[in-house]
N, C-alpha and C. Protein backbone atom coordinates (compact mmCIF):
# COMPACT_ATOMS: atom_id res chain seq x y z
N MET A 1 -44.89 65.47 -19.73
CA MET A 1 -46.27 64.79 -19.98
C MET A 1 -47.51 65.61 -19.30
N ALA A 2 -48.33 65.97 -20.37
CA ALA A 2 -49.60 67.09 -19.75
C ALA A 2 -50.72 66.28 -19.60
N TYR A 3 -51.53 66.49 -18.41
CA TYR A 3 -52.61 65.64 -18.39
C TYR A 3 -53.92 66.53 -18.81
N SER A 4 -54.87 66.28 -19.17
CA SER A 4 -56.18 66.61 -19.39
C SER A 4 -56.97 67.02 -18.49
N LYS A 5 -58.02 67.97 -18.26
CA LYS A 5 -58.53 68.03 -17.12
C LYS A 5 -59.73 66.84 -16.56
N GLY A 6 -60.00 66.13 -17.75
CA GLY A 6 -60.66 64.90 -17.60
C GLY A 6 -59.83 63.81 -16.70
N ASP A 7 -58.82 63.60 -16.85
CA ASP A 7 -57.82 62.92 -16.45
C ASP A 7 -57.82 63.16 -14.85
N TYR A 8 -57.53 64.42 -14.65
CA TYR A 8 -57.51 64.93 -12.94
C TYR A 8 -58.58 64.67 -12.56
N LYS A 9 -59.90 64.84 -12.94
CA LYS A 9 -61.06 64.41 -12.66
C LYS A 9 -61.39 62.91 -12.20
N LYS A 10 -60.98 62.11 -13.01
CA LYS A 10 -61.16 60.75 -12.92
C LYS A 10 -60.30 60.24 -11.90
N TYR A 11 -58.95 60.75 -11.71
CA TYR A 11 -58.12 60.24 -10.55
C TYR A 11 -58.51 60.56 -9.37
N HIS A 12 -59.24 61.93 -9.32
CA HIS A 12 -59.52 62.16 -7.90
C HIS A 12 -60.93 61.74 -7.46
N LYS A 13 -61.65 61.32 -8.61
CA LYS A 13 -62.76 60.46 -8.19
C LYS A 13 -62.86 58.90 -8.02
N SER A 14 -61.61 58.33 -7.87
CA SER A 14 -61.32 56.90 -7.76
C SER A 14 -61.49 56.73 -6.31
N LYS A 15 -62.00 55.20 -6.43
CA LYS A 15 -62.13 55.09 -5.08
C LYS A 15 -61.08 54.82 -3.88
N ARG A 16 -59.71 54.52 -4.59
CA ARG A 16 -58.75 54.91 -3.92
C ARG A 16 -58.12 56.31 -3.03
N MET A 17 -58.38 57.16 -3.92
CA MET A 17 -58.31 58.61 -3.76
C MET A 17 -59.44 59.33 -2.67
N LYS A 18 -60.37 58.55 -2.96
CA LYS A 18 -61.63 59.08 -2.07
C LYS A 18 -61.46 58.62 -0.54
N GLU A 19 -60.78 57.30 -0.46
CA GLU A 19 -60.61 56.65 0.57
C GLU A 19 -59.40 57.51 1.25
N GLU A 20 -58.19 57.57 0.63
CA GLU A 20 -57.11 58.70 1.42
C GLU A 20 -57.66 59.88 1.51
N ARG A 21 -58.34 60.41 1.01
CA ARG A 21 -58.91 61.82 1.05
C ARG A 21 -59.97 61.71 2.47
N ALA A 22 -60.65 60.82 2.74
CA ALA A 22 -61.43 60.44 3.89
C ALA A 22 -60.74 60.11 5.11
N LYS A 23 -59.49 59.69 4.98
CA LYS A 23 -58.29 59.30 6.20
C LYS A 23 -57.87 60.41 6.56
N ARG A 24 -57.42 61.26 5.70
CA ARG A 24 -56.69 62.65 6.12
C ARG A 24 -57.95 63.62 6.73
N ASN A 25 -59.03 63.64 6.02
CA ASN A 25 -59.92 64.62 6.81
C ASN A 25 -60.53 63.97 8.07
N LYS A 26 -60.49 62.78 8.50
CA LYS A 26 -60.88 62.08 9.82
C LYS A 26 -59.63 62.58 10.56
N ASN A 27 -58.48 62.72 10.22
CA ASN A 27 -57.53 62.85 11.00
C ASN A 27 -57.71 64.38 11.53
N ARG A 28 -57.57 65.22 10.44
CA ARG A 28 -57.93 66.54 10.69
C ARG A 28 -59.30 67.13 11.74
N ARG A 29 -60.30 66.40 11.25
CA ARG A 29 -61.05 66.54 12.31
C ARG A 29 -61.29 66.11 13.81
N GLU A 30 -60.64 65.04 13.97
CA GLU A 30 -60.16 64.67 15.39
C GLU A 30 -59.29 65.68 16.06
N ALA A 31 -58.26 66.03 15.31
CA ALA A 31 -57.52 67.21 15.84
C ALA A 31 -58.15 68.46 16.03
N GLU A 32 -58.94 68.83 15.34
CA GLU A 32 -60.15 69.66 15.57
C GLU A 32 -60.71 69.74 16.97
N ARG A 33 -61.24 68.79 17.23
CA ARG A 33 -62.38 68.16 18.35
C ARG A 33 -61.23 68.40 19.74
N LYS A 34 -60.09 67.73 19.44
CA LYS A 34 -59.52 68.17 20.56
C LYS A 34 -58.72 69.41 20.69
N LYS A 35 -58.77 70.49 20.22
CA LYS A 35 -58.67 71.73 19.94
C LYS A 35 -56.98 71.85 19.66
N LYS A 36 -56.60 71.06 19.06
CA LYS A 36 -55.19 71.09 18.69
C LYS A 36 -54.91 72.03 17.68
N VAL A 37 -55.99 72.06 16.56
CA VAL A 37 -55.87 72.72 15.36
C VAL A 37 -57.35 73.58 15.12
N LYS A 38 -57.09 74.30 14.28
CA LYS A 38 -58.49 74.83 13.96
C LYS A 38 -58.55 75.67 12.53
N LYS A 39 -59.62 75.71 11.94
CA LYS A 39 -59.46 76.14 10.35
C LYS A 39 -58.66 77.39 10.36
N GLY A 40 -58.23 77.43 9.30
CA GLY A 40 -57.33 78.69 8.97
C GLY A 40 -56.17 78.78 9.66
N ASP A 41 -55.64 77.95 10.63
CA ASP A 41 -54.61 78.31 11.77
C ASP A 41 -53.22 78.20 11.09
N GLY A 42 -53.21 77.65 9.69
CA GLY A 42 -51.81 77.35 9.02
C GLY A 42 -51.01 76.24 9.59
N LYS A 43 -51.74 75.31 10.17
CA LYS A 43 -51.15 73.87 10.98
C LYS A 43 -51.82 72.88 10.17
N GLU A 44 -50.90 71.71 10.10
CA GLU A 44 -51.00 70.31 9.42
C GLU A 44 -50.81 69.29 10.06
N ILE A 45 -51.63 68.42 9.75
CA ILE A 45 -50.93 66.73 10.49
C ILE A 45 -50.04 66.29 9.90
N ASP A 46 -48.95 65.83 10.28
CA ASP A 46 -47.53 65.51 9.61
C ASP A 46 -47.69 64.06 10.24
N HIS A 47 -46.83 63.27 9.06
CA HIS A 47 -46.69 61.86 9.45
C HIS A 47 -45.33 61.47 9.72
N LYS A 48 -44.90 61.28 10.94
CA LYS A 48 -43.64 61.63 11.24
C LYS A 48 -42.66 60.46 10.74
N ASP A 49 -43.20 59.44 10.19
CA ASP A 49 -42.42 58.48 9.47
C ASP A 49 -42.55 58.65 8.05
N GLY A 50 -42.99 59.93 7.86
CA GLY A 50 -43.38 60.12 6.09
C GLY A 50 -44.21 59.30 5.39
N ASN A 51 -44.79 58.07 6.22
CA ASN A 51 -45.50 57.59 5.50
C ASN A 51 -47.14 57.80 5.52
N PRO A 52 -47.64 58.63 4.70
CA PRO A 52 -48.91 58.78 4.89
C PRO A 52 -50.12 57.87 4.96
N LYS A 53 -49.87 56.76 4.95
CA LYS A 53 -50.83 55.44 4.96
C LYS A 53 -50.67 54.96 6.57
N ASN A 54 -49.64 55.57 7.22
CA ASN A 54 -49.49 55.09 8.47
C ASN A 54 -50.18 56.20 9.36
N ASN A 55 -51.33 55.74 9.82
CA ASN A 55 -52.27 56.83 10.72
C ASN A 55 -52.24 56.58 12.27
N LYS A 56 -51.71 55.89 12.70
CA LYS A 56 -51.35 55.68 13.95
C LYS A 56 -51.22 56.69 14.82
N LYS A 57 -51.84 56.87 15.99
CA LYS A 57 -51.80 58.30 16.75
C LYS A 57 -50.26 58.51 17.15
N SER A 58 -49.53 57.72 17.33
CA SER A 58 -48.11 57.81 17.73
C SER A 58 -47.27 58.25 16.35
N ASN A 59 -47.96 58.13 15.32
CA ASN A 59 -46.94 58.35 14.09
C ASN A 59 -47.38 59.93 13.70
N LEU A 60 -48.63 60.65 14.39
CA LEU A 60 -49.07 61.77 13.90
C LEU A 60 -48.68 62.95 14.80
N ARG A 61 -48.29 63.98 14.17
CA ARG A 61 -48.31 65.30 15.25
C ARG A 61 -48.58 66.37 14.40
N ILE A 62 -48.88 67.48 14.96
CA ILE A 62 -49.30 68.90 14.44
C ILE A 62 -48.01 69.98 14.05
N VAL A 63 -47.98 70.21 12.78
CA VAL A 63 -46.73 71.30 12.47
C VAL A 63 -47.42 72.22 11.92
N SER A 64 -46.49 73.18 11.64
CA SER A 64 -46.94 74.24 10.62
C SER A 64 -46.86 74.05 9.32
N ARG A 65 -47.24 74.48 8.40
CA ARG A 65 -47.43 73.99 6.99
C ARG A 65 -46.09 74.45 6.49
N ARG A 66 -45.53 75.27 6.76
CA ARG A 66 -44.07 75.73 6.18
C ARG A 66 -43.32 74.59 6.81
N LYS A 67 -43.36 73.98 7.91
CA LYS A 67 -42.36 72.88 8.58
C LYS A 67 -42.68 71.89 7.65
N ASN A 68 -44.14 71.42 7.40
CA ASN A 68 -44.56 70.41 6.84
C ASN A 68 -44.01 70.32 5.33
N ARG A 69 -43.96 71.53 4.65
CA ARG A 69 -43.67 71.35 3.40
C ARG A 69 -41.84 71.62 3.23
N LYS A 70 -41.32 72.08 4.19
CA LYS A 70 -39.83 71.97 4.21
C LYS A 70 -39.25 70.57 4.28
N LYS A 71 -39.91 69.68 4.94
CA LYS A 71 -39.60 68.24 5.08
C LYS A 71 -39.87 67.32 4.01
N GLN A 72 -40.60 68.03 3.13
CA GLN A 72 -40.64 66.89 1.74
C GLN A 72 -39.34 67.49 0.71
C-alpha cells in the first residue's frame, strides 16, 4: 500500500507524533547536557526494554547507531 505525500505530512503533524518526537528530543538534549553524546557522534538513546514510551532513566542507555539498529 503506497501512501501519498499528504498522508505522510498529516501523520507527522498529528498531536501524538509531535508529543512522541518531543519526548525523544528531550531525552537526547538531556544526554547532550550531561556530555554523554554530541551531535554527529553516531550515538543514540536506546530503550533497554524496547518500549519507546518507557522513558524512565533506568531504561535509557547510550549505544552506537549500528548496535541500536541491529537490535531491531
